[in-house]
Amino acid sequence: MYAIVKAGGRQEKVTVGETITVDRIDAKVGASVNFTTLLVVDGANVTTDPKVLSGVTVTGEILEETKGPKIDILRYKNKTGHRRRQGFRAQHTLVKITAISGAK
């Protein structure tokens, strides 16, 4: 059984026991979080009905806060001597999926 959940600005395919990386969640390590379910697949049964999915909960436990890879941004204009350098590292949260409950 697996589910498609909305996590941050993206959709993730999750199964029980899997660890996923999502955009930063403002909660403590060890806290429990619930995700919005968009689709549930249980063998040959595929559930997409919003009324049924409102009763399905995907629960995860926050393992740790991490940072994404460093992204270097360099802007350069020819013949003017204009250069600008900037960096960015996204904040991520590692979440272990503990249960998919309510699916039939």
N, C-alpha and C. Protein backbone atom coordinates (compact mmCIF):
# COMPACT_ATOMS: atom_id res chain seq x y z
N MET A 1 0.84 -1.17 0.00
CA MET A 1 0.00 0.00 0.00
C MET A 1 0.89 1.24 0.00
N TYR A 2 0.51 2.22 -0.81
CA TYR A 2 1.20 3.50 -0.78
C TYR A 2 0.18 4.62 -0.96
N ALA A 3 0.64 5.84 -0.67
CA ALA A 3 -0.22 7.01 -0.78
C ALA A 3 0.56 8.14 -1.41
N ILE A 4 -0.16 9.02 -2.08
CA ILE A 4 0.40 10.27 -2.59
C ILE A 4 -0.08 11.37 -1.65
N VAL A 5 0.87 12.08 -1.05
CA VAL A 5 0.52 13.12 -0.07
C VAL A 5 1.06 14.46 -0.54
N LYS A 6 0.46 15.52 -0.01
CA LYS A 6 0.92 16.87 -0.28
C LYS A 6 1.87 17.26 0.86
N ALA A 7 3.12 17.52 0.51
CA ALA A 7 4.13 17.87 1.51
C ALA A 7 4.87 19.11 1.03
N GLY A 8 4.65 20.22 1.69
CA GLY A 8 5.26 21.46 1.24
C GLY A 8 4.59 21.90 -0.05
N GLY A 9 5.37 22.22 -1.06
CA GLY A 9 4.81 22.63 -2.34
C GLY A 9 4.79 21.50 -3.35
N ARG A 10 5.08 20.29 -2.92
CA ARG A 10 5.19 19.15 -3.84
C ARG A 10 4.31 18.00 -3.38
N GLN A 11 4.23 16.99 -4.24
CA GLN A 11 3.53 15.76 -3.90
C GLN A 11 4.57 14.65 -3.77
N GLU A 12 4.41 13.80 -2.75
CA GLU A 12 5.35 12.73 -2.48
C GLU A 12 4.62 11.39 -2.44
N LYS A 13 5.26 10.37 -2.99
CA LYS A 13 4.75 9.00 -2.90
C LYS A 13 5.37 8.38 -1.65
N VAL A 14 4.53 7.90 -0.71
CA VAL A 14 5.04 7.40 0.57
C VAL A 14 4.47 6.02 0.88
N THR A 15 5.27 5.23 1.58
CA THR A 15 4.84 3.96 2.14
C THR A 15 5.23 3.96 3.61
N VAL A 16 4.66 3.04 4.38
CA VAL A 16 4.96 2.96 5.81
C VAL A 16 6.41 2.53 5.99
N GLY A 17 7.13 3.24 6.87
CA GLY A 17 8.52 2.94 7.15
C GLY A 17 9.50 3.71 6.29
N GLU A 18 9.03 4.42 5.30
CA GLU A 18 9.90 5.17 4.39
C GLU A 18 10.28 6.51 5.01
N THR A 19 11.48 7.00 4.70
CA THR A 19 11.94 8.31 5.15
C THR A 19 11.95 9.25 3.96
N ILE A 20 11.30 10.40 4.10
CA ILE A 20 11.25 11.37 3.02
C ILE A 20 11.83 12.70 3.48
N THR A 21 12.29 13.50 2.52
CA THR A 21 12.79 14.83 2.79
C THR A 21 11.78 15.83 2.25
N VAL A 22 11.28 16.70 3.12
CA VAL A 22 10.28 17.70 2.72
C VAL A 22 10.80 19.08 3.09
N ASP A 23 10.12 20.11 2.59
CA ASP A 23 10.44 21.48 2.98
C ASP A 23 10.28 21.61 4.49
N ARG A 24 10.98 22.56 5.08
CA ARG A 24 11.04 22.69 6.53
C ARG A 24 9.65 22.75 7.16
N ILE A 25 9.47 21.92 8.19
CA ILE A 25 8.25 21.91 8.99
C ILE A 25 8.60 22.50 10.35
N ASP A 26 7.81 23.45 10.80
CA ASP A 26 8.10 24.13 12.07
C ASP A 26 7.56 23.30 13.23
N ALA A 27 8.32 22.26 13.61
CA ALA A 27 7.96 21.42 14.75
C ALA A 27 9.24 20.82 15.31
N LYS A 28 9.17 20.35 16.53
CA LYS A 28 10.35 19.78 17.20
C LYS A 28 10.66 18.38 16.68
N VAL A 29 11.91 17.96 16.87
CA VAL A 29 12.32 16.59 16.51
C VAL A 29 11.57 15.62 17.42
N GLY A 30 11.00 14.57 16.82
CA GLY A 30 10.22 13.59 17.56
C GLY A 30 8.73 13.87 17.54
N ALA A 31 8.34 15.04 17.05
CA ALA A 31 6.91 15.38 16.98
C ALA A 31 6.24 14.61 15.85
N SER A 32 4.93 14.47 15.96
CA SER A 32 4.15 13.76 14.96
C SER A 32 3.48 14.77 14.03
N VAL A 33 3.48 14.48 12.72
CA VAL A 33 2.86 15.37 11.75
C VAL A 33 1.90 14.56 10.87
N ASN A 34 0.85 15.21 10.39
CA ASN A 34 -0.11 14.59 9.48
C ASN A 34 -0.01 15.27 8.12
N PHE A 35 -0.17 14.49 7.07
CA PHE A 35 -0.10 15.01 5.72
C PHE A 35 -1.47 14.89 5.05
N THR A 36 -1.74 15.79 4.11
CA THR A 36 -2.97 15.75 3.32
C THR A 36 -2.84 14.66 2.27
N THR A 37 -3.81 13.75 2.23
CA THR A 37 -3.77 12.62 1.31
C THR A 37 -4.49 12.97 0.01
N LEU A 38 -3.83 12.70 -1.12
CA LEU A 38 -4.41 12.99 -2.42
C LEU A 38 -4.85 11.72 -3.15
N LEU A 39 -4.19 10.57 -2.85
CA LEU A 39 -4.49 9.32 -3.53
C LEU A 39 -3.98 8.17 -2.67
N VAL A 40 -4.72 7.07 -2.64
CA VAL A 40 -4.28 5.87 -1.92
C VAL A 40 -4.40 4.68 -2.86
N VAL A 41 -3.33 3.88 -2.94
CA VAL A 41 -3.34 2.67 -3.76
C VAL A 41 -3.09 1.49 -2.83
N ASP A 42 -4.07 0.55 -2.80
CA ASP A 42 -3.96 -0.64 -1.97
C ASP A 42 -4.19 -1.85 -2.88
N GLY A 43 -3.11 -2.37 -3.43
CA GLY A 43 -3.23 -3.48 -4.38
C GLY A 43 -3.86 -2.98 -5.66
N ALA A 44 -5.03 -3.53 -6.01
CA ALA A 44 -5.74 -3.12 -7.22
C ALA A 44 -6.73 -1.99 -6.94
N ASN A 45 -6.94 -1.63 -5.68
CA ASN A 45 -7.89 -0.58 -5.32
C ASN A 45 -7.19 0.78 -5.31
N VAL A 46 -7.70 1.69 -6.13
CA VAL A 46 -7.18 3.05 -6.19
C VAL A 46 -8.27 3.99 -5.70
N THR A 47 -7.96 4.79 -4.68
CA THR A 47 -8.94 5.69 -4.08
C THR A 47 -8.55 7.14 -4.37
N THR A 48 -9.43 7.87 -5.04
CA THR A 48 -9.21 9.28 -5.33
C THR A 48 -10.37 10.16 -4.88
N ASP A 49 -11.43 9.55 -4.36
CA ASP A 49 -12.62 10.29 -3.95
C ASP A 49 -12.30 11.15 -2.72
N PRO A 50 -12.50 12.48 -2.81
CA PRO A 50 -12.19 13.36 -1.67
C PRO A 50 -12.97 13.03 -0.40
N LYS A 51 -14.19 12.53 -0.54
CA LYS A 51 -14.98 12.19 0.65
C LYS A 51 -14.35 11.03 1.41
N VAL A 52 -13.85 10.03 0.67
CA VAL A 52 -13.19 8.88 1.29
C VAL A 52 -11.81 9.28 1.82
N LEU A 53 -11.09 10.10 1.06
CA LEU A 53 -9.74 10.50 1.46
C LEU A 53 -9.73 11.42 2.68
N SER A 54 -10.85 12.07 2.99
CA SER A 54 -10.89 12.91 4.18
C SER A 54 -10.76 12.08 5.45
N GLY A 55 -11.09 10.78 5.37
CA GLY A 55 -10.96 9.89 6.52
C GLY A 55 -9.62 9.18 6.59
N VAL A 56 -8.79 9.36 5.57
CA VAL A 56 -7.47 8.70 5.53
C VAL A 56 -6.43 9.66 6.09
N THR A 57 -5.61 9.17 7.02
CA THR A 57 -4.55 10.00 7.58
C THR A 57 -3.20 9.33 7.36
N VAL A 58 -2.24 10.12 6.92
CA VAL A 58 -0.86 9.67 6.79
C VAL A 58 -0.08 10.39 7.87
N THR A 59 0.50 9.62 8.79
CA THR A 59 1.20 10.16 9.95
C THR A 59 2.69 9.91 9.82
N GLY A 60 3.47 10.90 10.20
CA GLY A 60 4.92 10.77 10.18
C GLY A 60 5.55 11.34 11.43
N GLU A 61 6.79 10.94 11.67
CA GLU A 61 7.54 11.42 12.83
C GLU A 61 8.76 12.18 12.33
N ILE A 62 9.00 13.36 12.89
CA ILE A 62 10.13 14.19 12.47
C ILE A 62 11.41 13.61 13.06
N LEU A 63 12.38 13.32 12.17
CA LEU A 63 13.65 12.75 12.60
C LEU A 63 14.71 13.82 12.83
N GLU A 64 14.88 14.75 11.87
CA GLU A 64 15.90 15.79 12.04
C GLU A 64 15.69 16.92 11.04
N GLU A 65 16.36 18.03 11.33
CA GLU A 65 16.38 19.19 10.43
C GLU A 65 17.70 19.12 9.66
N THR A 66 17.64 19.29 8.35
CA THR A 66 18.84 19.26 7.51
C THR A 66 18.84 20.46 6.57
N LYS A 67 19.94 20.59 5.85
CA LYS A 67 20.05 21.63 4.83
C LYS A 67 20.29 20.97 3.49
N GLY A 68 19.78 21.58 2.45
CA GLY A 68 19.98 21.07 1.10
C GLY A 68 21.36 21.44 0.59
N PRO A 69 21.65 21.09 -0.66
CA PRO A 69 22.97 21.43 -1.22
C PRO A 69 23.12 22.93 -1.44
N LYS A 70 24.35 23.40 -1.40
CA LYS A 70 24.64 24.81 -1.62
C LYS A 70 24.44 25.14 -3.10
N ILE A 71 23.71 26.20 -3.36
CA ILE A 71 23.50 26.67 -4.71
C ILE A 71 24.22 28.00 -4.86
N ASP A 72 25.14 28.09 -5.81
CA ASP A 72 25.87 29.32 -6.07
C ASP A 72 25.20 30.08 -7.20
N ILE A 73 24.90 31.35 -6.94
CA ILE A 73 24.26 32.20 -7.93
C ILE A 73 25.27 33.28 -8.28
N LEU A 74 25.62 33.39 -9.55
CA LEU A 74 26.61 34.37 -10.00
C LEU A 74 26.02 35.16 -11.16
N ARG A 75 25.94 36.47 -10.98
CA ARG A 75 25.46 37.35 -12.05
C ARG A 75 26.64 38.15 -12.58
N TYR A 76 26.71 38.27 -13.89
CA TYR A 76 27.84 38.92 -14.52
C TYR A 76 27.36 39.70 -15.73
N LYS A 77 27.83 40.94 -15.86
CA LYS A 77 27.52 41.74 -17.04
C LYS A 77 28.82 42.05 -17.77
N ASN A 78 28.82 41.77 -19.03
CA ASN A 78 30.01 41.92 -19.84
C ASN A 78 30.41 43.40 -19.99
N LYS A 79 31.70 43.67 -19.96
CA LYS A 79 32.31 44.97 -20.25
C LYS A 79 32.01 46.07 -19.24
N THR A 80 31.33 45.75 -18.15
CA THR A 80 31.02 46.80 -17.17
C THR A 80 31.71 46.57 -15.83
N GLY A 81 32.26 45.38 -15.63
CA GLY A 81 32.89 45.07 -14.35
C GLY A 81 31.87 44.73 -13.28
N HIS A 82 30.63 44.58 -13.66
CA HIS A 82 29.58 44.26 -12.68
C HIS A 82 29.51 42.76 -12.45
N ARG A 83 29.78 42.35 -11.20
CA ARG A 83 29.64 40.95 -10.81
C ARG A 83 28.95 40.91 -9.46
N ARG A 84 28.09 39.92 -9.29
CA ARG A 84 27.39 39.77 -8.01
C ARG A 84 27.32 38.29 -7.70
N ARG A 85 27.70 37.92 -6.48
CA ARG A 85 27.69 36.53 -6.07
C ARG A 85 26.74 36.36 -4.89
N GLN A 86 25.97 35.26 -4.93
CA GLN A 86 25.00 35.01 -3.88
C GLN A 86 24.91 33.49 -3.70
N GLY A 87 24.59 33.04 -2.50
CA GLY A 87 24.45 31.62 -2.24
C GLY A 87 23.12 31.33 -1.56
N PHE A 88 22.74 30.05 -1.60
CA PHE A 88 21.46 29.65 -1.01
C PHE A 88 21.53 28.19 -0.59
N ARG A 89 20.99 27.87 0.58
CA ARG A 89 20.83 26.49 1.04
C ARG A 89 19.42 26.36 1.61
N ALA A 90 18.64 25.46 1.03
CA ALA A 90 17.26 25.26 1.48
C ALA A 90 17.23 24.50 2.80
N GLN A 91 16.26 24.81 3.64
CA GLN A 91 16.05 24.12 4.91
C GLN A 91 15.09 22.96 4.68
N HIS A 92 15.48 21.75 5.10
CA HIS A 92 14.66 20.56 4.91
C HIS A 92 14.40 19.87 6.24
N THR A 93 13.39 19.02 6.26
CA THR A 93 13.06 18.19 7.42
C THR A 93 12.96 16.75 6.96
N LEU A 94 13.63 15.84 7.69
CA LEU A 94 13.51 14.41 7.42
C LEU A 94 12.34 13.87 8.22
N VAL A 95 11.43 13.18 7.53
CA VAL A 95 10.23 12.64 8.17
C VAL A 95 10.14 11.15 7.86
N LYS A 96 9.91 10.34 8.91
CA LYS A 96 9.69 8.91 8.74
C LYS A 96 8.18 8.67 8.79
N ILE A 97 7.65 8.01 7.76
CA ILE A 97 6.21 7.72 7.70
C ILE A 97 5.92 6.54 8.62
N THR A 98 5.03 6.76 9.60
CA THR A 98 4.75 5.73 10.60
C THR A 98 3.46 4.98 10.34
N ALA A 99 2.46 5.62 9.70
CA ALA A 99 1.18 4.93 9.50
C ALA A 99 0.38 5.57 8.37
N ILE A 100 -0.35 4.71 7.67
CA ILE A 100 -1.39 5.14 6.72
C ILE A 100 -2.66 4.47 7.23
N SER A 101 -3.52 5.25 7.87
CA SER A 101 -4.70 4.65 8.51
C SER A 101 -5.98 5.19 7.90
N GLY A 102 -7.02 4.39 7.97
CA GLY A 102 -8.31 4.77 7.46
C GLY A 102 -8.57 4.32 6.04
N ALA A 103 -7.54 3.75 5.38
CA ALA A 103 -7.72 3.29 3.99
C ALA A 103 -8.41 1.93 3.99
N LYS A 104 -9.29 1.74 3.02
CA LYS A 104 -10.00 0.47 2.94
C LYS A 104 -9.54 -0.32 1.76
